[in-house]
Amino acid sequence: MPVRTIRTALTALTGTVVAAAVATTAFVTPAAADAPSAGTGHDGTRQAIEAAVRAGVPGVVAQAQDRHGTWTGTAGVADRRTGRERQAADRYRVGSITKTFVATVLLQLQAEDRIDLDDTVEQWLPGLVRGNGHDGRDITVRQLLNHTSGIYSYTNDPGFVQDVFGEGFFKHRYDTWTPKQLVGLAMTHKPDFQPGTSWNYSNTNYTVAGMVIEKVTGRPYGSEIERRVLRPLGLRATSVPGTDARMPKPSGRAYSKLTDDPAATKIHDVTELNPSAAGAAGEMISNSSDLQRFYRALLRGKLLPKQELKEMTTTVAVSDELPGFRYGLGLMRQKLSCGKEVWGHGGGIHGSSSEALATRDASHTLAMNLNGDWAGDSQAVVEAEFCRK
């Protein structure tokens, strides 16, 4: 896997995969992982989260559920100043895991005959996706959800990167960005390719998708997620914060070096921020228990009819360099080294790298978070958990 840098971790807001660490300076002594509350056999997972802390991540929390019950492991600290350890109930920013929630709502709307995913973006948002070769008349809602639209990702814009993820963070951390502003920023660039001819991860796709939800329902996308997913499933630790910069309790702190320079040593507390810069592409907050409950319900057909779930799990190739990975509608499938397949999504945003994955039958799930964005190998945790004997 490619080395995860601050640029890929943050400007992509994806966390599609957290790869090898780019820094190895340890700032805390790894704590022993919690004893399993049920079942055994998680030694490899425990060792992987401890290794992430030794690589430089302040703290890690991971939780898995299988036929033996629930296991939680923690290492390192949630707060470097107080030394408070990470806890199973900690809430954290989940970044692009938000995308699965957004796609779920749009598929529900299709099941209700309120939209067809093969409608063009232009039908719902006339004139929005236009400029420098972009044309919403040629892009479908489905292409937004599986990243085959070719729309440029606003998080790659150099000025945005500087202001939001770089040295300008402390000046701009409380700024509010509207979806229209973010799409407009993307339109100042040329598209990555013609719609439907390739694949490239673009956060603008989901910004537009959130706007489509609002146009169809008359309500903000976050309100629809709350009404259709969070409340029915009882996901009380999960929220769509909008412009609220605060983190709900219990939660730890989030840390970043705000640079892709591997030689950088200064660590910044980036916990408070206005998440509108991520919006429908990655603003949500959750915890490990809620994330697992969501993916279990989704993959077991409790949120979508059979036809819509089939469409969600119909995938396209991501890259020749990553043959084990394929992308559906807000849902990624990956084949692990042991041959097992898992479904879910990753998410990266300032100071927070997360993964939420499940087997296709949802009998085995994992959700985890690293509270630093410059180091740590979450893929090693995934492999250790799902490939254990």
Protein backbone atom coordinates (compact mmCIF):
# COMPACT_ATOMS: atom_id res chain seq x y z
CA MET A 1 0.00 0.00 0.00
CA PRO A 2 1.20 3.55 -0.60
CA VAL A 3 2.64 5.47 2.33
CA ARG A 4 -0.05 7.54 4.02
CA THR A 5 0.99 11.17 4.24
CA ILE A 6 -0.78 14.18 5.69
CA ARG A 7 -1.81 15.11 2.17
CA THR A 8 -3.55 11.84 1.42
CA ALA A 9 -4.92 11.51 4.91
CA LEU A 10 -6.47 14.93 5.06
CA THR A 11 -7.03 16.44 1.67
CA ALA A 12 -8.67 13.25 0.55
CA LEU A 13 -10.71 13.04 3.77
CA THR A 14 -10.98 9.41 2.85
CA GLY A 15 -8.89 7.04 4.88
CA THR A 16 -9.66 4.49 2.19
CA VAL A 17 -6.71 2.61 3.59
CA VAL A 18 -4.31 3.74 6.31
CA ALA A 19 -0.94 2.52 5.16
CA ALA A 20 2.53 2.47 6.63
CA ALA A 21 3.61 5.15 9.06
CA VAL A 22 5.50 8.18 7.78
CA ALA A 23 7.00 9.01 11.14
CA THR A 24 8.26 6.82 13.95
CA THR A 25 8.78 9.23 16.86
CA ALA A 26 6.91 7.87 19.86
CA PHE A 27 5.35 10.41 22.22
CA VAL A 28 3.61 8.03 24.60
CA THR A 29 4.29 4.63 26.02
CA PRO A 30 1.85 2.06 24.64
CA ALA A 31 -0.69 0.89 27.17
CA ALA A 32 -1.72 -2.73 27.24
CA ALA A 33 -4.88 -3.41 25.28
CA ASP A 34 -8.01 -3.98 27.32
CA ALA A 35 -8.76 -7.56 28.20
CA PRO A 36 -11.41 -8.97 25.89
CA SER A 37 -14.90 -8.71 27.31
CA ALA A 38 -15.85 -11.88 25.46
CA GLY A 39 -14.01 -14.41 23.37
CA THR A 40 -10.31 -14.77 22.74
CA GLY A 41 -7.92 -14.77 19.84
CA HIS A 42 -7.37 -11.03 19.44
CA ASP A 43 -3.69 -11.05 20.36
CA GLY A 44 -2.65 -10.05 16.83
CA THR A 45 -5.11 -7.17 16.79
CA ARG A 46 -3.82 -6.00 20.17
CA GLN A 47 -0.24 -6.13 18.93
CA ALA A 48 -1.15 -4.15 15.80
CA ILE A 49 -2.72 -1.30 17.75
CA GLU A 50 0.24 -1.20 20.12
CA ALA A 51 2.54 -1.04 17.09
CA ALA A 52 0.62 2.01 15.82
CA VAL A 53 1.34 3.80 19.09
CA ARG A 54 5.01 2.84 18.96
CA ALA A 55 5.05 4.32 15.42
CA GLY A 56 3.92 7.69 16.80
CA VAL A 57 0.13 7.71 17.03
CA PRO A 58 -0.90 9.13 20.43
CA GLY A 59 -3.68 6.59 20.95
CA VAL A 60 -5.82 3.91 19.33
CA VAL A 61 -9.19 2.38 20.12
CA ALA A 62 -10.45 -0.69 18.28
CA GLN A 63 -13.55 -2.76 18.82
CA ALA A 64 -14.59 -6.00 17.13
CA GLN A 65 -17.71 -8.14 17.30
CA ASP A 66 -18.08 -11.74 16.17
CA ARG A 67 -19.82 -14.93 17.24
CA HIS A 68 -17.81 -14.92 20.47
CA GLY A 69 -19.01 -11.47 21.51
CA THR A 70 -17.43 -8.03 21.77
CA TRP A 71 -13.74 -7.30 22.21
CA THR A 72 -12.25 -3.85 22.80
CA GLY A 73 -8.60 -2.93 22.66
CA THR A 74 -6.95 0.38 23.45
CA ALA A 75 -3.39 1.65 23.41
CA GLY A 76 -1.79 5.01 24.12
CA VAL A 77 -3.66 8.09 25.27
CA ALA A 78 -6.70 10.12 24.32
CA ASP A 79 -5.16 13.31 25.70
CA ARG A 80 -1.43 13.96 25.61
CA ARG A 81 -1.71 16.73 28.21
CA THR A 82 -3.64 14.85 30.92
CA GLY A 83 -2.58 11.32 30.05
CA ARG A 84 -6.20 10.15 29.94
CA GLU A 85 -6.27 6.78 28.21
CA ARG A 86 -8.51 5.97 25.27
CA GLN A 87 -11.88 4.43 26.10
CA ALA A 88 -14.22 2.09 24.25
CA ALA A 89 -17.00 4.71 24.22
CA ASP A 90 -14.82 7.51 22.82
CA ARG A 91 -16.45 9.46 20.00
CA TYR A 92 -14.32 10.60 17.09
CA ARG A 93 -14.58 12.28 13.71
CA VAL A 94 -15.12 9.52 11.16
CA GLY A 95 -14.29 11.45 7.97
CA SER A 96 -15.33 9.67 4.80
CA ILE A 97 -17.25 6.94 6.58
CA THR A 98 -19.90 9.65 6.24
CA LYS A 99 -20.13 8.66 2.57
CA THR A 100 -21.79 5.33 3.34
CA PHE A 101 -24.54 7.13 5.26
CA VAL A 102 -25.08 9.56 2.38
CA ALA A 103 -25.26 6.77 -0.20
CA THR A 104 -27.70 4.85 2.00
CA VAL A 105 -30.12 7.79 2.07
CA LEU A 106 -29.98 8.22 -1.70
CA LEU A 107 -30.64 4.52 -2.23
CA GLN A 108 -33.61 4.74 0.15
CA LEU A 109 -34.95 7.64 -1.90
CA GLN A 110 -34.59 5.57 -5.05
CA ALA A 111 -36.48 2.70 -3.40
CA GLU A 112 -39.27 5.21 -2.69
CA ASP A 113 -39.34 6.22 -6.39
CA ARG A 114 -38.36 9.77 -5.51
CA ILE A 115 -35.17 9.66 -7.55
CA ASP A 116 -33.38 7.34 -9.94
CA LEU A 117 -29.65 7.04 -9.47
CA ASP A 118 -29.28 7.19 -13.23
CA ASP A 119 -30.81 10.68 -13.27
CA THR A 120 -28.29 13.30 -14.27
CA VAL A 121 -26.94 15.80 -11.78
CA GLU A 122 -28.32 18.53 -14.04
CA GLN A 123 -31.89 17.25 -13.54
CA TRP A 124 -31.69 17.95 -9.83
CA LEU A 125 -29.13 20.75 -9.61
CA PRO A 126 -29.32 22.76 -12.85
CA GLY A 127 -26.16 24.66 -13.68
CA LEU A 128 -24.25 23.61 -10.57
CA VAL A 129 -21.67 21.32 -12.18
CA ARG A 130 -20.41 23.47 -15.03
CA GLY A 131 -17.02 24.92 -15.88
CA ASN A 132 -13.62 23.97 -17.28
CA GLY A 133 -15.03 20.87 -18.96
CA HIS A 134 -17.36 19.77 -16.16
CA ASP A 135 -20.95 19.22 -17.29
CA GLY A 136 -23.65 17.92 -14.97
CA ARG A 137 -25.74 16.94 -17.99
CA ASP A 138 -23.33 14.06 -18.60
CA ILE A 139 -22.93 12.91 -14.98
CA THR A 140 -25.37 10.66 -13.14
CA VAL A 141 -26.04 10.48 -9.42
CA ARG A 142 -24.72 6.91 -9.51
CA GLN A 143 -21.41 8.18 -10.88
CA LEU A 144 -21.17 10.55 -7.95
CA LEU A 145 -21.59 7.69 -5.52
CA ASN A 146 -19.06 5.33 -7.11
CA HIS A 147 -16.52 8.04 -8.00
CA THR A 148 -16.67 7.56 -11.76
CA SER A 149 -17.93 11.11 -12.45
CA GLY A 150 -14.50 12.61 -13.16
CA ILE A 151 -15.36 15.69 -11.08
CA TYR A 152 -12.25 17.35 -9.61
CA SER A 153 -11.94 17.01 -5.83
CA TYR A 154 -12.00 20.40 -4.13
CA THR A 155 -9.73 19.02 -1.41
CA ASN A 156 -6.92 18.92 -3.98
CA ASP A 157 -7.11 22.66 -4.64
CA PRO A 158 -3.74 24.13 -3.51
CA GLY A 159 -5.27 27.17 -1.82
CA PHE A 160 -7.78 25.03 0.07
CA VAL A 161 -5.02 22.67 1.15
CA GLN A 162 -2.98 25.57 2.51
CA ASP A 163 -5.86 27.22 4.37
CA VAL A 164 -7.59 24.15 5.71
CA PHE A 165 -4.89 21.53 6.16
CA GLY A 166 -1.66 23.48 6.26
CA GLU A 167 -0.24 26.56 7.93
CA GLY A 168 -3.55 28.39 7.57
CA PHE A 169 -5.44 25.93 9.76
CA PHE A 170 -5.38 28.03 12.93
CA LYS A 171 -6.59 31.10 11.06
CA HIS A 172 -9.36 29.26 9.25
CA ARG A 173 -10.34 26.39 11.57
CA TYR A 174 -13.71 28.00 12.44
CA ASP A 175 -14.59 29.17 8.91
CA THR A 176 -17.88 28.00 7.45
CA TRP A 177 -17.86 26.58 3.94
CA THR A 178 -21.11 26.16 2.03
CA PRO A 179 -21.56 23.21 -0.34
CA LYS A 180 -21.98 25.65 -3.22
CA GLN A 181 -18.61 27.23 -2.36
CA LEU A 182 -16.89 23.86 -2.31
CA VAL A 183 -18.38 22.77 -5.64
CA GLY A 184 -17.52 26.16 -7.11
CA LEU A 185 -13.92 25.69 -6.05
CA ALA A 186 -13.82 22.33 -7.86
CA MET A 187 -15.23 23.94 -10.99
CA THR A 188 -12.18 26.20 -11.27
CA HIS A 189 -10.22 23.08 -12.25
CA LYS A 190 -10.49 20.69 -15.15
CA PRO A 191 -12.19 17.32 -14.57
CA ASP A 192 -10.03 14.27 -13.94
CA PHE A 193 -11.55 12.38 -16.89
CA GLN A 194 -14.74 12.11 -18.91
CA PRO A 195 -17.67 10.70 -16.90
CA GLY A 196 -17.76 6.93 -16.74
CA THR A 197 -14.35 6.36 -18.31
CA SER A 198 -12.25 5.83 -15.18
CA TRP A 199 -12.25 6.02 -11.37
CA ASN A 200 -10.86 8.66 -9.04
CA TYR A 201 -11.79 9.51 -5.47
CA SER A 202 -13.37 12.96 -5.31
CA ASN A 203 -14.90 14.55 -2.25
CA THR A 204 -16.82 16.92 -4.50
CA ASN A 205 -18.92 13.92 -5.58
CA TYR A 206 -20.40 13.60 -2.12
CA THR A 207 -20.77 17.33 -1.60
CA VAL A 208 -23.00 17.26 -4.69
CA ALA A 209 -24.74 14.09 -3.45
CA GLY A 210 -25.65 15.85 -0.20
CA MET A 211 -27.11 18.73 -2.21
CA VAL A 212 -29.16 16.25 -4.26
CA ILE A 213 -30.65 14.82 -1.06
CA GLU A 214 -31.67 18.30 0.04
CA LYS A 215 -33.22 19.04 -3.36
CA VAL A 216 -35.22 15.79 -3.37
CA THR A 217 -36.43 15.95 0.24
CA GLY A 218 -36.47 19.65 1.03
CA ARG A 219 -34.35 18.97 4.12
CA PRO A 220 -30.60 19.06 4.77
CA TYR A 221 -28.81 15.78 4.12
CA GLY A 222 -27.86 15.57 7.81
CA SER A 223 -31.48 15.77 8.88
CA GLU A 224 -32.32 12.92 6.53
CA ILE A 225 -29.49 10.78 7.92
CA GLU A 226 -30.75 11.44 11.44
CA ARG A 227 -34.37 10.67 10.53
CA ARG A 228 -33.75 7.64 8.35
CA VAL A 229 -30.70 6.00 9.93
CA LEU A 230 -29.54 7.33 13.28
CA ARG A 231 -32.85 7.37 15.13
CA PRO A 232 -34.22 4.07 13.76
CA LEU A 233 -31.00 2.25 14.68
CA GLY A 234 -30.58 4.03 18.01
CA LEU A 235 -27.15 5.39 17.09
CA ARG A 236 -26.98 7.85 19.97
CA ALA A 237 -23.23 8.42 19.73
CA THR A 238 -23.44 9.37 16.05
CA SER A 239 -24.09 12.91 14.83
CA VAL A 240 -23.92 15.23 11.86
CA PRO A 241 -22.42 18.36 13.47
CA GLY A 242 -22.90 20.89 10.65
CA THR A 243 -20.85 23.92 11.68
CA ASP A 244 -20.42 22.98 15.36
CA ALA A 245 -16.67 22.86 16.06
CA ARG A 246 -16.99 21.04 19.38
CA MET A 247 -16.66 17.34 20.09
CA PRO A 248 -19.34 15.65 22.21
CA LYS A 249 -18.26 13.73 25.30
CA PRO A 250 -16.81 11.24 25.88
CA SER A 251 -14.03 11.96 23.43
CA GLY A 252 -10.32 12.50 23.40
CA ARG A 253 -8.20 14.99 21.53
CA ALA A 254 -7.13 14.88 17.88
CA TYR A 255 -3.54 15.58 16.82
CA SER A 256 -1.82 16.56 13.59
CA LYS A 257 1.53 17.84 12.35
CA LEU A 258 -0.27 19.90 9.66
CA THR A 259 2.44 19.08 7.13
CA ASP A 260 3.50 16.25 4.86
CA ASP A 261 7.15 16.78 5.82
CA PRO A 262 8.26 13.49 7.45
CA ALA A 263 10.96 15.39 9.36
CA ALA A 264 8.41 17.58 11.17
CA THR A 265 8.22 17.02 14.92
CA LYS A 266 5.74 19.61 16.23
CA ILE A 267 2.36 18.13 17.08
CA HIS A 268 -0.76 20.32 17.14
CA ASP A 269 -4.06 19.80 18.91
CA VAL A 270 -6.63 20.11 16.09
CA THR A 271 -9.67 18.78 17.95
CA GLU A 272 -11.91 21.80 17.50
CA LEU A 273 -12.75 22.69 13.91
CA ASN A 274 -15.74 23.68 11.79
CA PRO A 275 -16.43 20.46 9.84
CA SER A 276 -18.33 22.22 7.04
CA ALA A 277 -15.10 21.99 5.04
CA ALA A 278 -15.87 18.28 4.87
CA GLY A 279 -19.68 18.39 4.85
CA ALA A 280 -21.39 15.44 3.18
CA ALA A 281 -17.96 14.13 2.17
CA GLY A 282 -16.79 13.58 5.74
CA GLU A 283 -18.18 15.60 8.67
CA MET A 284 -19.82 12.96 10.87
CA ILE A 285 -18.91 11.92 14.41
CA SER A 286 -19.47 8.45 15.86
CA ASN A 287 -17.92 5.74 18.00
CA SER A 288 -16.87 2.16 17.40
CA SER A 289 -20.04 0.54 18.71
CA ASP A 290 -22.37 2.69 16.61
CA LEU A 291 -20.33 2.22 13.44
CA GLN A 292 -20.48 -1.54 13.77
CA ARG A 293 -24.21 -1.45 14.42
CA PHE A 294 -24.71 0.67 11.29
CA TYR A 295 -22.74 -1.62 8.98
CA ARG A 296 -24.38 -4.74 10.42
CA ALA A 297 -27.83 -3.28 9.78
CA LEU A 298 -26.85 -2.10 6.30
CA LEU A 299 -25.31 -5.35 5.09
CA ARG A 300 -28.13 -7.44 6.57
CA GLY A 301 -30.73 -5.52 4.59
CA LYS A 302 -32.32 -3.63 7.46
CA LEU A 303 -31.85 -0.23 5.83
CA LEU A 304 -32.27 -1.01 2.13
CA PRO A 305 -34.45 -3.32 0.04
CA LYS A 306 -32.69 -6.23 -1.66
CA GLN A 307 -32.43 -4.47 -5.05
CA GLU A 308 -30.89 -1.29 -3.61
CA LEU A 309 -28.43 -3.25 -1.49
CA LYS A 310 -27.42 -5.16 -4.61
CA GLU A 311 -26.77 -1.86 -6.38
CA MET A 312 -24.76 -0.55 -3.42
CA THR A 313 -22.53 -3.64 -3.47
CA THR A 314 -22.02 -3.60 -7.24
CA THR A 315 -18.44 -2.42 -7.52
CA VAL A 316 -16.02 -0.88 -9.99
CA ALA A 317 -12.25 -1.27 -10.10
CA VAL A 318 -10.27 1.30 -8.14
CA SER A 319 -6.78 0.94 -9.59
CA ASP A 320 -4.53 -1.61 -11.26
CA GLU A 321 -2.13 -0.92 -8.40
CA LEU A 322 -4.78 -1.94 -5.85
CA PRO A 323 -6.37 -5.05 -7.35
CA GLY A 324 -7.82 -6.14 -4.02
CA PHE A 325 -9.95 -3.01 -3.72
CA ARG A 326 -13.23 -2.23 -5.47
CA TYR A 327 -15.72 0.57 -4.85
CA GLY A 328 -19.51 0.33 -4.82
CA LEU A 329 -21.92 3.10 -3.86
CA GLY A 330 -20.36 4.65 -0.78
CA LEU A 331 -19.05 1.22 0.14
CA MET A 332 -15.65 -0.31 -0.50
CA ARG A 333 -14.82 -4.00 -0.84
CA GLN A 334 -11.33 -5.19 -0.10
CA LYS A 335 -9.76 -8.62 -0.34
CA LEU A 336 -7.33 -9.30 2.47
CA SER A 337 -4.09 -11.24 2.33
CA CYS A 338 -5.79 -14.33 3.77
CA GLY A 339 -8.41 -14.27 1.02
CA LYS A 340 -11.27 -12.94 3.13
CA GLU A 341 -13.38 -10.07 1.81
CA VAL A 342 -14.54 -7.20 3.99
CA TRP A 343 -16.87 -4.31 3.23
CA GLY A 344 -17.00 -0.81 4.67
CA HIS A 345 -15.18 2.48 4.47
CA GLY A 346 -12.33 4.41 5.99
CA GLY A 347 -12.18 8.03 6.99
CA GLY A 348 -9.46 10.58 7.57
CA ILE A 349 -9.86 14.15 8.78
CA HIS A 350 -7.65 16.41 10.92
CA GLY A 351 -6.09 14.32 13.66
CA SER A 352 -8.38 11.36 13.13
CA SER A 353 -8.03 8.20 11.02
CA SER A 354 -10.81 5.62 11.20
CA GLU A 355 -11.88 2.30 9.70
CA ALA A 356 -15.25 0.51 9.88
CA LEU A 357 -15.46 -2.88 8.18
CA ALA A 358 -17.54 -6.04 8.15
CA THR A 359 -17.73 -9.38 6.46
CA ARG A 360 -20.48 -9.52 3.83
CA ASP A 361 -22.80 -11.42 6.18
CA ALA A 362 -21.95 -8.94 8.95
CA SER A 363 -21.08 -11.76 11.34
CA HIS A 364 -17.70 -10.16 12.06
CA THR A 365 -17.20 -6.40 12.33
CA LEU A 366 -14.43 -3.99 13.29
CA ALA A 367 -14.32 -0.26 13.93
CA MET A 368 -11.24 1.64 15.02
CA ASN A 369 -9.72 5.09 15.34
CA LEU A 370 -6.24 6.58 15.51
CA ASN A 371 -6.15 10.07 17.06
CA GLY A 372 -3.15 11.15 14.98
CA ASP A 373 -2.94 11.53 11.21
CA TRP A 374 0.77 11.28 10.44
CA ALA A 375 1.61 7.71 11.47
CA GLY A 376 0.18 4.29 12.15
CA ASP A 377 -0.87 1.35 10.02
CA SER A 378 -4.57 0.65 10.45
CA GLN A 379 -4.46 -1.85 7.61
CA ALA A 380 -2.29 -4.02 9.83
CA VAL A 381 -5.05 -3.93 12.45
CA VAL A 382 -7.63 -4.92 9.84
CA GLU A 383 -5.51 -7.82 8.61
CA ALA A 384 -4.80 -9.01 12.15
CA GLU A 385 -8.46 -8.97 13.14
CA PHE A 386 -10.09 -10.55 10.12
CA CYS A 387 -7.30 -12.98 9.21
CA ARG A 388 -6.79 -14.40 12.69
CA LYS A 389 -7.01 -18.16 12.99
